[in-house]
Amino acid sequence: MKKTIQLLDLDCANCAAKIEDAVRKIAGVQSVNVSFMSQKMELDIEEGRSDAIVKEVMRIARKVDSDITVVV
C-alpha cells in the first residue's frame, strides 16, 4: 500500500535522513523515501498496519524536530 505524508517545516536534509532511517526500521514498512525539498515522505507499507505505522511516523518526526507538522 502506497502512502504519502506531508512533513511541513522540515528544516534540513540531515533531519530528513534521520527520519527516513528510523521509519525504515518500523515493522511493516517495505520502503520509505523522505524528500527534504518537497517536504514529503513516500511510504510503501503492509496493508492493515497503516494506522500504527502513521502513528509511529508522527512520533519519530516530532522526536527528530519538534517543529515538524505531519499531515496525512
N, C-alpha and C. Protein backbone atom coordinates (compact mmCIF):
# COMPACT_ATOMS: atom_id res chain seq x y z
N MET A 1 0.85 -1.17 0.00
CA MET A 1 0.00 0.00 0.00
C MET A 1 0.90 1.24 0.00
N LYS A 2 0.68 2.12 -0.94
CA LYS A 2 1.45 3.36 -1.04
C LYS A 2 0.76 4.46 -0.24
N LYS A 3 1.57 5.28 0.44
CA LYS A 3 1.03 6.37 1.23
C LYS A 3 1.98 7.55 1.14
N THR A 4 1.45 8.75 1.02
CA THR A 4 2.24 9.97 1.01
C THR A 4 1.89 10.79 2.24
N ILE A 5 2.92 11.23 2.95
CA ILE A 5 2.75 12.03 4.17
C ILE A 5 3.51 13.34 3.98
N GLN A 6 2.84 14.44 4.26
CA GLN A 6 3.47 15.76 4.17
C GLN A 6 4.18 16.05 5.49
N LEU A 7 5.42 16.54 5.41
CA LEU A 7 6.21 16.90 6.58
C LEU A 7 6.48 18.41 6.53
N LEU A 8 5.52 19.19 6.99
CA LEU A 8 5.64 20.64 6.94
C LEU A 8 6.69 21.14 7.92
N ASP A 9 7.45 22.13 7.50
CA ASP A 9 8.51 22.75 8.31
C ASP A 9 9.70 21.82 8.55
N LEU A 10 9.92 20.87 7.64
CA LEU A 10 11.12 20.04 7.69
C LEU A 10 12.29 20.92 7.29
N ASP A 11 13.19 21.20 8.24
CA ASP A 11 14.18 22.26 8.08
C ASP A 11 15.49 21.86 7.41
N CYS A 12 15.87 20.59 7.43
CA CYS A 12 17.19 20.27 6.87
C CYS A 12 17.23 18.84 6.32
N ALA A 13 18.17 18.65 5.41
CA ALA A 13 18.34 17.34 4.78
C ALA A 13 18.79 16.30 5.81
N ASN A 14 19.55 16.72 6.80
CA ASN A 14 20.01 15.80 7.84
C ASN A 14 18.82 15.26 8.64
N CYS A 15 17.87 16.12 8.96
CA CYS A 15 16.66 15.68 9.68
C CYS A 15 15.86 14.70 8.81
N ALA A 16 15.77 14.99 7.52
CA ALA A 16 15.06 14.09 6.60
C ALA A 16 15.71 12.72 6.58
N ALA A 17 17.04 12.68 6.57
CA ALA A 17 17.76 11.40 6.57
C ALA A 17 17.55 10.65 7.88
N LYS A 18 17.55 11.35 9.00
CA LYS A 18 17.31 10.71 10.30
C LYS A 18 15.91 10.10 10.36
N ILE A 19 14.93 10.85 9.88
CA ILE A 19 13.55 10.35 9.88
C ILE A 19 13.44 9.13 8.98
N GLU A 20 14.02 9.21 7.79
CA GLU A 20 13.97 8.09 6.84
C GLU A 20 14.60 6.83 7.44
N ASP A 21 15.75 6.97 8.05
CA ASP A 21 16.43 5.82 8.66
C ASP A 21 15.59 5.19 9.76
N ALA A 22 14.98 6.01 10.60
CA ALA A 22 14.17 5.49 11.71
C ALA A 22 12.89 4.83 11.21
N VAL A 23 12.24 5.43 10.22
CA VAL A 23 10.99 4.88 9.69
C VAL A 23 11.25 3.56 8.98
N ARG A 24 12.39 3.44 8.32
CA ARG A 24 12.76 2.20 7.62
C ARG A 24 12.77 1.00 8.57
N LYS A 25 13.03 1.24 9.85
CA LYS A 25 13.12 0.17 10.85
C LYS A 25 11.77 -0.25 11.44
N ILE A 26 10.70 0.46 11.12
CA ILE A 26 9.37 0.12 11.63
C ILE A 26 8.88 -1.16 10.95
N ALA A 27 8.38 -2.09 11.75
CA ALA A 27 7.82 -3.32 11.20
C ALA A 27 6.64 -2.98 10.28
N GLY A 28 6.65 -3.54 9.09
CA GLY A 28 5.56 -3.31 8.14
C GLY A 28 5.90 -2.28 7.07
N VAL A 29 7.02 -1.58 7.24
CA VAL A 29 7.45 -0.61 6.23
C VAL A 29 8.32 -1.34 5.22
N GLN A 30 7.88 -1.36 3.98
CA GLN A 30 8.62 -2.04 2.93
C GLN A 30 9.62 -1.11 2.26
N SER A 31 9.26 0.15 2.11
CA SER A 31 10.19 1.15 1.59
C SER A 31 9.75 2.54 2.04
N VAL A 32 10.73 3.45 2.12
CA VAL A 32 10.45 4.83 2.52
C VAL A 32 11.42 5.75 1.82
N ASN A 33 10.93 6.92 1.43
CA ASN A 33 11.76 7.95 0.84
C ASN A 33 11.28 9.30 1.37
N VAL A 34 12.17 10.04 2.03
CA VAL A 34 11.83 11.36 2.55
C VAL A 34 12.56 12.39 1.70
N SER A 35 11.81 13.32 1.14
CA SER A 35 12.37 14.39 0.33
C SER A 35 12.34 15.69 1.10
N PHE A 36 13.52 16.21 1.40
CA PHE A 36 13.63 17.48 2.11
C PHE A 36 13.06 18.61 1.24
N MET A 37 13.35 18.59 -0.03
CA MET A 37 12.93 19.67 -0.93
C MET A 37 11.41 19.76 -1.07
N SER A 38 10.74 18.63 -1.21
CA SER A 38 9.28 18.65 -1.36
C SER A 38 8.56 18.52 -0.03
N GLN A 39 9.31 18.24 1.03
CA GLN A 39 8.76 18.05 2.38
C GLN A 39 7.69 16.95 2.38
N LYS A 40 8.01 15.84 1.68
CA LYS A 40 7.09 14.71 1.60
C LYS A 40 7.80 13.41 1.92
N MET A 41 7.04 12.48 2.46
CA MET A 41 7.50 11.13 2.71
C MET A 41 6.64 10.19 1.88
N GLU A 42 7.29 9.36 1.08
CA GLU A 42 6.60 8.34 0.30
C GLU A 42 6.84 7.01 1.00
N LEU A 43 5.76 6.33 1.34
CA LEU A 43 5.85 5.05 2.06
C LEU A 43 5.21 3.95 1.25
N ASP A 44 5.77 2.76 1.35
CA ASP A 44 5.14 1.55 0.87
C ASP A 44 5.04 0.65 2.09
N ILE A 45 3.82 0.41 2.55
CA ILE A 45 3.61 -0.29 3.82
C ILE A 45 2.66 -1.47 3.64
N GLU A 46 2.70 -2.37 4.63
CA GLU A 46 1.81 -3.53 4.63
C GLU A 46 0.36 -3.08 4.83
N GLU A 47 -0.52 -3.71 4.12
CA GLU A 47 -1.96 -3.46 4.26
C GLU A 47 -2.40 -3.81 5.67
N GLY A 48 -3.26 -3.00 6.26
CA GLY A 48 -3.79 -3.30 7.59
C GLY A 48 -2.97 -2.75 8.74
N ARG A 49 -1.77 -2.24 8.47
CA ARG A 49 -0.92 -1.70 9.54
C ARG A 49 -0.78 -0.18 9.41
N SER A 50 -1.56 0.40 8.54
CA SER A 50 -1.42 1.82 8.21
C SER A 50 -1.52 2.73 9.44
N ASP A 51 -2.54 2.55 10.25
CA ASP A 51 -2.74 3.44 11.41
C ASP A 51 -1.57 3.38 12.38
N ALA A 52 -1.11 2.19 12.70
CA ALA A 52 0.00 2.04 13.64
C ALA A 52 1.29 2.63 13.07
N ILE A 53 1.51 2.42 11.80
CA ILE A 53 2.73 2.94 11.16
C ILE A 53 2.69 4.47 11.12
N VAL A 54 1.57 5.05 10.74
CA VAL A 54 1.45 6.51 10.68
C VAL A 54 1.65 7.12 12.07
N LYS A 55 1.11 6.49 13.07
CA LYS A 55 1.28 6.97 14.45
C LYS A 55 2.75 6.98 14.84
N GLU A 56 3.47 5.93 14.48
CA GLU A 56 4.90 5.83 14.78
C GLU A 56 5.70 6.85 13.96
N VAL A 57 5.31 7.08 12.71
CA VAL A 57 5.96 8.09 11.88
C VAL A 57 5.83 9.46 12.53
N MET A 58 4.65 9.78 13.02
CA MET A 58 4.42 11.06 13.69
C MET A 58 5.33 11.20 14.91
N ARG A 59 5.44 10.15 15.70
CA ARG A 59 6.28 10.19 16.89
C ARG A 59 7.75 10.41 16.51
N ILE A 60 8.21 9.70 15.51
CA ILE A 60 9.61 9.82 15.07
C ILE A 60 9.89 11.23 14.54
N ALA A 61 9.00 11.74 13.70
CA ALA A 61 9.22 13.07 13.10
C ALA A 61 9.31 14.14 14.18
N ARG A 62 8.42 14.08 15.14
CA ARG A 62 8.43 15.08 16.22
C ARG A 62 9.63 14.92 17.13
N LYS A 63 10.13 13.71 17.27
CA LYS A 63 11.32 13.49 18.09
C LYS A 63 12.55 14.09 17.41
N VAL A 64 12.64 13.95 16.10
CA VAL A 64 13.78 14.49 15.35
C VAL A 64 13.73 16.01 15.32
N ASP A 65 12.54 16.57 15.08
CA ASP A 65 12.38 18.03 15.03
C ASP A 65 10.97 18.37 15.52
N SER A 66 10.88 18.98 16.67
CA SER A 66 9.58 19.26 17.29
C SER A 66 8.74 20.27 16.50
N ASP A 67 9.34 20.98 15.53
CA ASP A 67 8.61 21.96 14.74
C ASP A 67 7.90 21.34 13.53
N ILE A 68 8.18 20.08 13.23
CA ILE A 68 7.57 19.43 12.06
C ILE A 68 6.10 19.17 12.32
N THR A 69 5.28 19.49 11.32
CA THR A 69 3.86 19.17 11.34
C THR A 69 3.63 18.04 10.34
N VAL A 70 3.07 16.94 10.81
CA VAL A 70 2.83 15.76 9.97
C VAL A 70 1.38 15.82 9.49
N VAL A 71 1.20 15.83 8.17
CA VAL A 71 -0.13 15.87 7.56
C VAL A 71 -0.31 14.60 6.75
N VAL A 72 -1.31 13.80 7.13
CA VAL A 72 -1.57 12.53 6.47
C VAL A 72 -2.56 12.70 5.36
